[in-house]
N, C-alpha and C. Protein backbone atom coordinates (compact mmCIF):
# COMPACT_ATOMS: atom_id res chain seq x y z
N MET A 1 -13.95 3.02 6.73
CA MET A 1 -12.88 2.07 6.72
C MET A 1 -12.78 1.46 5.32
N SER A 2 -11.58 1.40 4.81
CA SER A 2 -11.38 0.87 3.45
C SER A 2 -11.56 -0.64 3.45
N PRO A 3 -11.83 -1.22 2.27
CA PRO A 3 -11.95 -2.67 2.19
C PRO A 3 -10.68 -3.39 2.68
N LEU A 4 -9.51 -2.82 2.39
CA LEU A 4 -8.26 -3.43 2.84
C LEU A 4 -8.20 -3.44 4.37
N ASP A 5 -8.56 -2.32 4.99
CA ASP A 5 -8.57 -2.25 6.46
C ASP A 5 -9.54 -3.26 7.05
N LYS A 6 -10.73 -3.40 6.44
CA LYS A 6 -11.70 -4.38 6.91
C LYS A 6 -11.11 -5.79 6.86
N PHE A 7 -10.44 -6.10 5.75
CA PHE A 7 -9.84 -7.43 5.59
C PHE A 7 -8.75 -7.65 6.63
N LEU A 8 -7.86 -6.68 6.79
CA LEU A 8 -6.76 -6.83 7.75
C LEU A 8 -7.29 -6.96 9.17
N ASN A 9 -8.34 -6.22 9.51
CA ASN A 9 -8.93 -6.35 10.84
C ASN A 9 -9.54 -7.72 11.05
N GLY A 10 -10.14 -8.29 10.00
CA GLY A 10 -10.76 -9.60 10.10
C GLY A 10 -9.74 -10.73 10.19
N HIS A 11 -8.62 -10.58 9.49
CA HIS A 11 -7.61 -11.64 9.48
C HIS A 11 -6.75 -11.59 10.73
N GLY A 12 -6.25 -10.43 11.04
CA GLY A 12 -5.49 -10.24 12.27
C GLY A 12 -4.06 -10.71 12.26
N ASN A 13 -3.61 -11.43 11.24
CA ASN A 13 -2.24 -11.94 11.27
C ASN A 13 -1.60 -11.90 9.89
N MET A 14 -1.58 -10.72 9.29
CA MET A 14 -0.96 -10.53 7.99
C MET A 14 0.32 -9.72 8.18
N ARG A 15 1.34 -10.03 7.42
CA ARG A 15 2.60 -9.28 7.47
C ARG A 15 2.73 -8.49 6.18
N GLN A 16 3.20 -7.28 6.30
CA GLN A 16 3.33 -6.41 5.14
C GLN A 16 4.69 -6.58 4.49
N TYR A 17 4.68 -6.68 3.16
CA TYR A 17 5.88 -6.75 2.34
C TYR A 17 5.70 -5.73 1.24
N GLY A 18 6.19 -4.52 1.45
CA GLY A 18 5.97 -3.45 0.49
C GLY A 18 4.50 -3.10 0.44
N SER A 19 3.89 -3.18 -0.73
CA SER A 19 2.47 -2.84 -0.86
C SER A 19 1.57 -4.07 -0.72
N ARG A 20 2.16 -5.24 -0.50
CA ARG A 20 1.40 -6.48 -0.36
C ARG A 20 1.45 -6.98 1.07
N TYR A 21 0.50 -7.86 1.37
CA TYR A 21 0.45 -8.51 2.68
C TYR A 21 0.43 -10.00 2.46
N ARG A 22 1.06 -10.74 3.37
CA ARG A 22 1.08 -12.21 3.29
C ARG A 22 0.65 -12.78 4.63
N GLY A 23 0.00 -13.91 4.59
CA GLY A 23 -0.42 -14.60 5.80
C GLY A 23 -0.95 -15.98 5.44
N ALA A 24 -1.40 -16.70 6.44
CA ALA A 24 -1.98 -18.02 6.22
C ALA A 24 -3.39 -17.85 5.65
N CYS A 25 -3.75 -18.69 4.71
CA CYS A 25 -5.10 -18.66 4.15
C CYS A 25 -6.04 -19.36 5.12
N LEU A 26 -6.96 -18.60 5.68
CA LEU A 26 -7.91 -19.16 6.65
C LEU A 26 -8.99 -19.99 5.97
N ALA A 27 -9.20 -19.76 4.67
CA ALA A 27 -10.25 -20.50 3.95
C ALA A 27 -9.90 -21.98 3.83
N CYS A 28 -8.62 -22.29 3.65
CA CYS A 28 -8.21 -23.70 3.52
C CYS A 28 -7.39 -24.16 4.72
N ASN A 29 -7.41 -23.34 5.79
CA ASN A 29 -6.69 -23.68 7.02
C ASN A 29 -5.22 -23.98 6.79
N ALA A 30 -4.59 -23.18 5.94
CA ALA A 30 -3.17 -23.36 5.65
C ALA A 30 -2.35 -23.04 6.89
N SER A 31 -1.33 -23.83 7.13
CA SER A 31 -0.46 -23.57 8.28
C SER A 31 0.70 -22.66 7.87
N ASN A 32 1.05 -22.66 6.59
CA ASN A 32 2.12 -21.81 6.10
C ASN A 32 1.66 -20.35 6.12
N LYS A 33 2.43 -19.49 6.73
CA LYS A 33 2.02 -18.10 6.92
C LYS A 33 2.24 -17.22 5.69
N THR A 34 2.54 -17.83 4.55
CA THR A 34 2.70 -17.03 3.32
C THR A 34 1.84 -17.56 2.18
N THR A 35 0.83 -18.37 2.48
CA THR A 35 0.00 -18.94 1.41
C THR A 35 -1.01 -17.96 0.85
N LEU A 36 -1.36 -16.93 1.62
CA LEU A 36 -2.34 -15.95 1.17
C LEU A 36 -1.64 -14.63 0.88
N SER A 37 -1.89 -14.09 -0.29
CA SER A 37 -1.34 -12.79 -0.66
C SER A 37 -2.49 -11.84 -0.90
N ILE A 38 -2.41 -10.65 -0.33
CA ILE A 38 -3.43 -9.64 -0.60
C ILE A 38 -2.75 -8.31 -0.91
N ALA A 39 -3.44 -7.52 -1.69
CA ALA A 39 -2.97 -6.18 -2.05
C ALA A 39 -4.20 -5.33 -2.34
N GLU A 40 -3.98 -4.04 -2.43
CA GLU A 40 -5.07 -3.13 -2.76
C GLU A 40 -4.92 -2.72 -4.22
N GLY A 41 -5.98 -2.91 -5.00
CA GLY A 41 -5.96 -2.53 -6.41
C GLY A 41 -6.06 -1.02 -6.57
N GLN A 42 -5.85 -0.53 -7.77
CA GLN A 42 -5.91 0.91 -8.06
C GLN A 42 -7.24 1.52 -7.67
N ASP A 43 -8.31 0.74 -7.79
CA ASP A 43 -9.64 1.26 -7.48
C ASP A 43 -10.02 1.08 -6.01
N GLY A 44 -9.10 0.54 -5.21
CA GLY A 44 -9.36 0.35 -3.79
C GLY A 44 -9.90 -1.03 -3.44
N ALA A 45 -10.09 -1.89 -4.44
CA ALA A 45 -10.57 -3.25 -4.18
C ALA A 45 -9.45 -4.09 -3.58
N VAL A 46 -9.80 -5.06 -2.77
CA VAL A 46 -8.83 -5.97 -2.18
C VAL A 46 -8.61 -7.11 -3.17
N LEU A 47 -7.37 -7.32 -3.57
CA LEU A 47 -6.99 -8.40 -4.48
C LEU A 47 -6.45 -9.54 -3.62
N VAL A 48 -7.01 -10.73 -3.75
CA VAL A 48 -6.62 -11.86 -2.91
C VAL A 48 -6.18 -13.03 -3.77
N ARG A 49 -5.21 -13.81 -3.25
CA ARG A 49 -4.77 -15.02 -3.95
C ARG A 49 -4.25 -16.02 -2.94
N CYS A 50 -4.80 -17.23 -2.99
CA CYS A 50 -4.35 -18.34 -2.15
C CYS A 50 -3.42 -19.20 -3.00
N PHE A 51 -2.18 -19.36 -2.53
CA PHE A 51 -1.20 -20.15 -3.27
C PHE A 51 -1.21 -21.62 -2.87
N LYS A 52 -1.98 -21.98 -1.83
CA LYS A 52 -2.02 -23.39 -1.40
C LYS A 52 -3.06 -24.16 -2.21
N ASP A 53 -4.33 -23.79 -2.05
CA ASP A 53 -5.41 -24.52 -2.72
C ASP A 53 -6.13 -23.70 -3.78
N GLY A 54 -5.69 -22.45 -3.99
CA GLY A 54 -6.36 -21.61 -4.98
C GLY A 54 -7.77 -21.24 -4.56
N CYS A 55 -7.98 -21.02 -3.26
CA CYS A 55 -9.31 -20.68 -2.74
C CYS A 55 -9.87 -19.48 -3.49
N ASP A 56 -11.18 -19.47 -3.74
CA ASP A 56 -11.77 -18.34 -4.44
C ASP A 56 -11.96 -17.16 -3.50
N ALA A 57 -12.16 -16.00 -4.09
CA ALA A 57 -12.25 -14.75 -3.32
C ALA A 57 -13.40 -14.79 -2.32
N GLN A 58 -14.51 -15.40 -2.68
CA GLN A 58 -15.65 -15.46 -1.76
C GLN A 58 -15.30 -16.28 -0.52
N ALA A 59 -14.65 -17.41 -0.69
CA ALA A 59 -14.26 -18.24 0.46
C ALA A 59 -13.25 -17.52 1.34
N ILE A 60 -12.33 -16.82 0.72
CA ILE A 60 -11.33 -16.07 1.48
C ILE A 60 -12.00 -14.95 2.27
N ALA A 61 -12.91 -14.22 1.63
CA ALA A 61 -13.62 -13.14 2.32
C ALA A 61 -14.41 -13.69 3.50
N ARG A 62 -15.13 -14.77 3.28
CA ARG A 62 -15.94 -15.35 4.36
C ARG A 62 -15.08 -15.86 5.51
N SER A 63 -13.86 -16.31 5.21
CA SER A 63 -13.00 -16.84 6.27
C SER A 63 -12.58 -15.76 7.26
N VAL A 64 -12.69 -14.49 6.86
CA VAL A 64 -12.35 -13.39 7.78
C VAL A 64 -13.60 -12.61 8.19
N GLY A 65 -14.77 -13.22 7.98
CA GLY A 65 -16.02 -12.61 8.42
C GLY A 65 -16.58 -11.55 7.49
N LEU A 66 -16.17 -11.57 6.23
CA LEU A 66 -16.65 -10.59 5.26
C LEU A 66 -17.40 -11.30 4.15
N GLU A 67 -18.12 -10.54 3.35
CA GLU A 67 -18.75 -11.04 2.14
C GLU A 67 -17.93 -10.54 0.95
N LEU A 68 -18.13 -11.13 -0.21
CA LEU A 68 -17.36 -10.76 -1.39
C LEU A 68 -17.45 -9.27 -1.67
N GLN A 69 -18.64 -8.69 -1.55
CA GLN A 69 -18.80 -7.27 -1.85
C GLN A 69 -18.01 -6.38 -0.89
N ASP A 70 -17.65 -6.90 0.30
CA ASP A 70 -16.86 -6.12 1.25
C ASP A 70 -15.43 -5.90 0.76
N LEU A 71 -15.00 -6.66 -0.25
CA LEU A 71 -13.65 -6.50 -0.79
C LEU A 71 -13.57 -5.36 -1.81
N PHE A 72 -14.71 -4.74 -2.09
CA PHE A 72 -14.76 -3.68 -3.08
C PHE A 72 -15.17 -2.37 -2.42
N PRO A 73 -14.67 -1.24 -2.94
CA PRO A 73 -15.08 0.05 -2.38
C PRO A 73 -16.57 0.28 -2.55
N GLU A 74 -17.14 1.05 -1.68
CA GLU A 74 -18.58 1.31 -1.68
C GLU A 74 -19.07 1.80 -3.04
N ARG A 75 -18.33 2.67 -3.68
CA ARG A 75 -18.81 3.25 -4.94
C ARG A 75 -19.00 2.19 -6.02
N LEU A 76 -18.33 1.04 -5.92
CA LEU A 76 -18.49 -0.01 -6.91
C LEU A 76 -19.62 -0.96 -6.56
N THR A 77 -20.01 -1.04 -5.30
CA THR A 77 -21.05 -1.98 -4.91
C THR A 77 -22.39 -1.31 -4.69
N ALA A 78 -22.44 0.02 -4.67
CA ALA A 78 -23.68 0.72 -4.35
C ALA A 78 -24.57 0.95 -5.57
N HIS A 79 -24.12 0.57 -6.76
CA HIS A 79 -24.92 0.79 -7.97
C HIS A 79 -26.15 -0.10 -7.97
N HIS A 80 -27.25 0.45 -8.42
CA HIS A 80 -28.47 -0.33 -8.60
C HIS A 80 -28.58 -0.63 -10.09
N THR A 81 -29.58 -1.42 -10.46
CA THR A 81 -29.71 -1.74 -11.88
C THR A 81 -29.80 -0.44 -12.66
N PRO A 82 -28.78 -0.16 -13.45
CA PRO A 82 -28.75 1.13 -14.12
C PRO A 82 -29.61 1.18 -15.37
N GLY A 83 -30.11 2.34 -15.65
CA GLY A 83 -30.75 2.60 -16.92
C GLY A 83 -29.66 3.02 -17.90
N PRO A 84 -30.03 3.69 -18.96
CA PRO A 84 -28.99 4.16 -19.88
C PRO A 84 -28.04 5.12 -19.15
N ARG A 85 -26.76 4.96 -19.39
CA ARG A 85 -25.76 5.78 -18.71
C ARG A 85 -25.36 6.96 -19.59
N ARG A 86 -25.04 8.05 -18.92
CA ARG A 86 -24.47 9.19 -19.63
C ARG A 86 -23.02 8.88 -19.95
N ARG A 87 -22.57 9.33 -21.09
CA ARG A 87 -21.18 9.13 -21.48
C ARG A 87 -20.27 9.78 -20.43
N GLY A 88 -19.25 9.06 -20.02
CA GLY A 88 -18.29 9.59 -19.08
C GLY A 88 -18.73 9.51 -17.63
N MET A 89 -19.81 8.79 -17.35
CA MET A 89 -20.28 8.71 -15.98
C MET A 89 -19.28 7.97 -15.09
N LEU A 90 -18.61 6.96 -15.61
CA LEU A 90 -17.60 6.22 -14.88
C LEU A 90 -16.24 6.42 -15.54
N SER A 91 -15.20 6.46 -14.72
CA SER A 91 -13.85 6.49 -15.28
C SER A 91 -13.55 5.09 -15.82
N ALA A 92 -12.51 4.98 -16.60
CA ALA A 92 -12.12 3.68 -17.14
C ALA A 92 -11.80 2.71 -16.01
N ALA A 93 -11.10 3.18 -14.98
CA ALA A 93 -10.75 2.32 -13.85
C ALA A 93 -12.00 1.85 -13.10
N GLU A 94 -12.96 2.74 -12.92
CA GLU A 94 -14.21 2.37 -12.25
C GLU A 94 -14.99 1.36 -13.08
N ALA A 95 -15.04 1.58 -14.41
CA ALA A 95 -15.76 0.66 -15.28
C ALA A 95 -15.12 -0.73 -15.26
N LEU A 96 -13.79 -0.79 -15.30
CA LEU A 96 -13.11 -2.08 -15.25
C LEU A 96 -13.31 -2.76 -13.90
N GLY A 97 -13.28 -1.97 -12.83
CA GLY A 97 -13.53 -2.53 -11.51
C GLY A 97 -14.92 -3.12 -11.40
N LEU A 98 -15.91 -2.40 -11.92
CA LEU A 98 -17.28 -2.90 -11.90
C LEU A 98 -17.40 -4.16 -12.77
N LEU A 99 -16.78 -4.14 -13.93
CA LEU A 99 -16.81 -5.30 -14.82
C LEU A 99 -16.16 -6.50 -14.14
N ARG A 100 -15.03 -6.29 -13.46
CA ARG A 100 -14.35 -7.38 -12.76
C ARG A 100 -15.25 -7.95 -11.66
N PHE A 101 -15.94 -7.07 -10.93
CA PHE A 101 -16.84 -7.51 -9.85
C PHE A 101 -17.97 -8.36 -10.42
N GLU A 102 -18.60 -7.88 -11.50
CA GLU A 102 -19.70 -8.62 -12.11
C GLU A 102 -19.21 -9.96 -12.67
N ALA A 103 -18.03 -9.96 -13.28
CA ALA A 103 -17.47 -11.20 -13.82
C ALA A 103 -17.18 -12.20 -12.71
N GLU A 104 -16.72 -11.70 -11.55
CA GLU A 104 -16.45 -12.60 -10.42
C GLU A 104 -17.74 -13.25 -9.93
N LEU A 105 -18.83 -12.49 -9.87
CA LEU A 105 -20.11 -13.07 -9.47
C LEU A 105 -20.56 -14.15 -10.46
N ILE A 106 -20.36 -13.89 -11.74
CA ILE A 106 -20.72 -14.87 -12.77
C ILE A 106 -19.85 -16.12 -12.62
N ARG A 107 -18.56 -15.93 -12.35
CA ARG A 107 -17.64 -17.07 -12.17
C ARG A 107 -18.07 -17.92 -10.97
N ILE A 108 -18.45 -17.28 -9.89
CA ILE A 108 -18.88 -18.01 -8.69
C ILE A 108 -20.15 -18.81 -8.99
N ALA A 109 -21.09 -18.20 -9.70
CA ALA A 109 -22.32 -18.91 -10.06
C ALA A 109 -22.00 -20.11 -10.95
N ALA A 110 -21.10 -19.94 -11.90
CA ALA A 110 -20.72 -21.04 -12.79
C ALA A 110 -20.06 -22.17 -12.00
N ALA A 111 -19.20 -21.82 -11.06
CA ALA A 111 -18.53 -22.83 -10.23
C ALA A 111 -19.56 -23.58 -9.38
N ASN A 112 -20.53 -22.86 -8.84
CA ASN A 112 -21.58 -23.52 -8.07
C ASN A 112 -22.39 -24.48 -8.94
N LEU A 113 -22.74 -24.04 -10.14
CA LEU A 113 -23.49 -24.91 -11.05
C LEU A 113 -22.67 -26.14 -11.42
N ALA A 114 -21.39 -25.95 -11.69
CA ALA A 114 -20.52 -27.08 -12.04
C ALA A 114 -20.40 -28.07 -10.89
N ALA A 115 -20.51 -27.56 -9.66
CA ALA A 115 -20.43 -28.43 -8.48
C ALA A 115 -21.79 -29.03 -8.12
N GLY A 116 -22.82 -28.74 -8.92
CA GLY A 116 -24.14 -29.30 -8.67
C GLY A 116 -24.99 -28.51 -7.69
N VAL A 117 -24.56 -27.30 -7.37
CA VAL A 117 -25.32 -26.45 -6.45
C VAL A 117 -26.34 -25.67 -7.25
N SER A 118 -27.60 -25.79 -6.88
CA SER A 118 -28.66 -25.06 -7.58
C SER A 118 -28.63 -23.58 -7.22
N LEU A 119 -28.96 -22.75 -8.19
CA LEU A 119 -29.03 -21.32 -7.94
C LEU A 119 -30.42 -20.97 -7.44
N THR A 120 -30.47 -20.08 -6.46
CA THR A 120 -31.76 -19.62 -5.95
C THR A 120 -32.35 -18.61 -6.93
N GLU A 121 -33.61 -18.27 -6.73
CA GLU A 121 -34.25 -17.24 -7.55
C GLU A 121 -33.49 -15.92 -7.41
N GLN A 122 -33.05 -15.62 -6.19
CA GLN A 122 -32.28 -14.39 -5.95
C GLN A 122 -30.95 -14.43 -6.72
N ASP A 123 -30.28 -15.60 -6.74
CA ASP A 123 -29.04 -15.75 -7.49
C ASP A 123 -29.27 -15.51 -8.99
N ARG A 124 -30.35 -16.10 -9.51
CA ARG A 124 -30.65 -15.93 -10.95
C ARG A 124 -30.97 -14.47 -11.27
N ALA A 125 -31.69 -13.80 -10.37
CA ALA A 125 -31.99 -12.38 -10.59
C ALA A 125 -30.71 -11.56 -10.58
N ARG A 126 -29.78 -11.89 -9.67
CA ARG A 126 -28.53 -11.14 -9.60
C ARG A 126 -27.68 -11.38 -10.85
N LEU A 127 -27.72 -12.60 -11.41
CA LEU A 127 -27.00 -12.87 -12.65
C LEU A 127 -27.59 -12.05 -13.81
N GLY A 128 -28.91 -11.90 -13.82
CA GLY A 128 -29.54 -11.03 -14.82
C GLY A 128 -29.07 -9.59 -14.67
N GLN A 129 -28.93 -9.17 -13.42
CA GLN A 129 -28.43 -7.82 -13.15
C GLN A 129 -26.98 -7.68 -13.63
N CYS A 130 -26.17 -8.73 -13.45
CA CYS A 130 -24.79 -8.72 -13.95
C CYS A 130 -24.78 -8.47 -15.46
N CYS A 131 -25.62 -9.20 -16.17
CA CYS A 131 -25.67 -9.05 -17.63
C CYS A 131 -26.10 -7.64 -18.02
N SER A 132 -27.08 -7.09 -17.31
CA SER A 132 -27.53 -5.73 -17.59
C SER A 132 -26.43 -4.71 -17.36
N ARG A 133 -25.72 -4.87 -16.27
CA ARG A 133 -24.63 -3.93 -15.96
C ARG A 133 -23.52 -4.00 -17.00
N ILE A 134 -23.18 -5.20 -17.41
CA ILE A 134 -22.13 -5.36 -18.42
C ILE A 134 -22.60 -4.77 -19.75
N ALA A 135 -23.86 -4.99 -20.13
CA ALA A 135 -24.40 -4.41 -21.36
C ALA A 135 -24.40 -2.89 -21.29
N ASN A 136 -24.72 -2.33 -20.12
CA ASN A 136 -24.71 -0.87 -19.97
C ASN A 136 -23.30 -0.31 -20.06
N LEU A 137 -22.33 -1.03 -19.52
CA LEU A 137 -20.94 -0.59 -19.65
C LEU A 137 -20.51 -0.60 -21.12
N GLU A 138 -20.92 -1.65 -21.84
CA GLU A 138 -20.59 -1.73 -23.27
C GLU A 138 -21.22 -0.57 -24.03
N ALA A 139 -22.50 -0.27 -23.72
CA ALA A 139 -23.19 0.84 -24.39
C ALA A 139 -22.48 2.16 -24.09
N GLU A 140 -22.01 2.34 -22.86
CA GLU A 140 -21.32 3.57 -22.50
C GLU A 140 -20.02 3.71 -23.28
N VAL A 141 -19.31 2.60 -23.46
CA VAL A 141 -18.05 2.64 -24.20
C VAL A 141 -18.31 3.01 -25.67
N HIS A 142 -19.39 2.49 -26.22
CA HIS A 142 -19.69 2.74 -27.64
C HIS A 142 -20.40 4.07 -27.89
N SER A 143 -20.81 4.77 -26.84
CA SER A 143 -21.52 6.04 -27.07
C SER A 143 -20.56 7.20 -27.25
């Protein structure tokens, strides 16, 4: 099942408008049925946007019973801490998708820190993994 199908099954009340879907944002309990917009990105990731309160992707995913990583195709979330990469191992679209995913995790951690939420040891380890993955992508581009 694709990430988009998982999201649609979890929400249950989205209307399709061309390639996009609209519905009420469950994360902020919006009553307006067009506050949440979702679409499928080129890489198969679910793109979400709340127009009411600007809810973040993690809150939106959790509101439909998913985790943030569930919004991304398996091939982007199944990577382990990579060693040196062979040139051409990822397509440009895959590399950008992975970079976007890692950047989103960093953004969430920064928002938590700004809100006074302490990061767990597991969170700090995952942020280190984000930095390693981004550095490996950079090395692949320069090789």
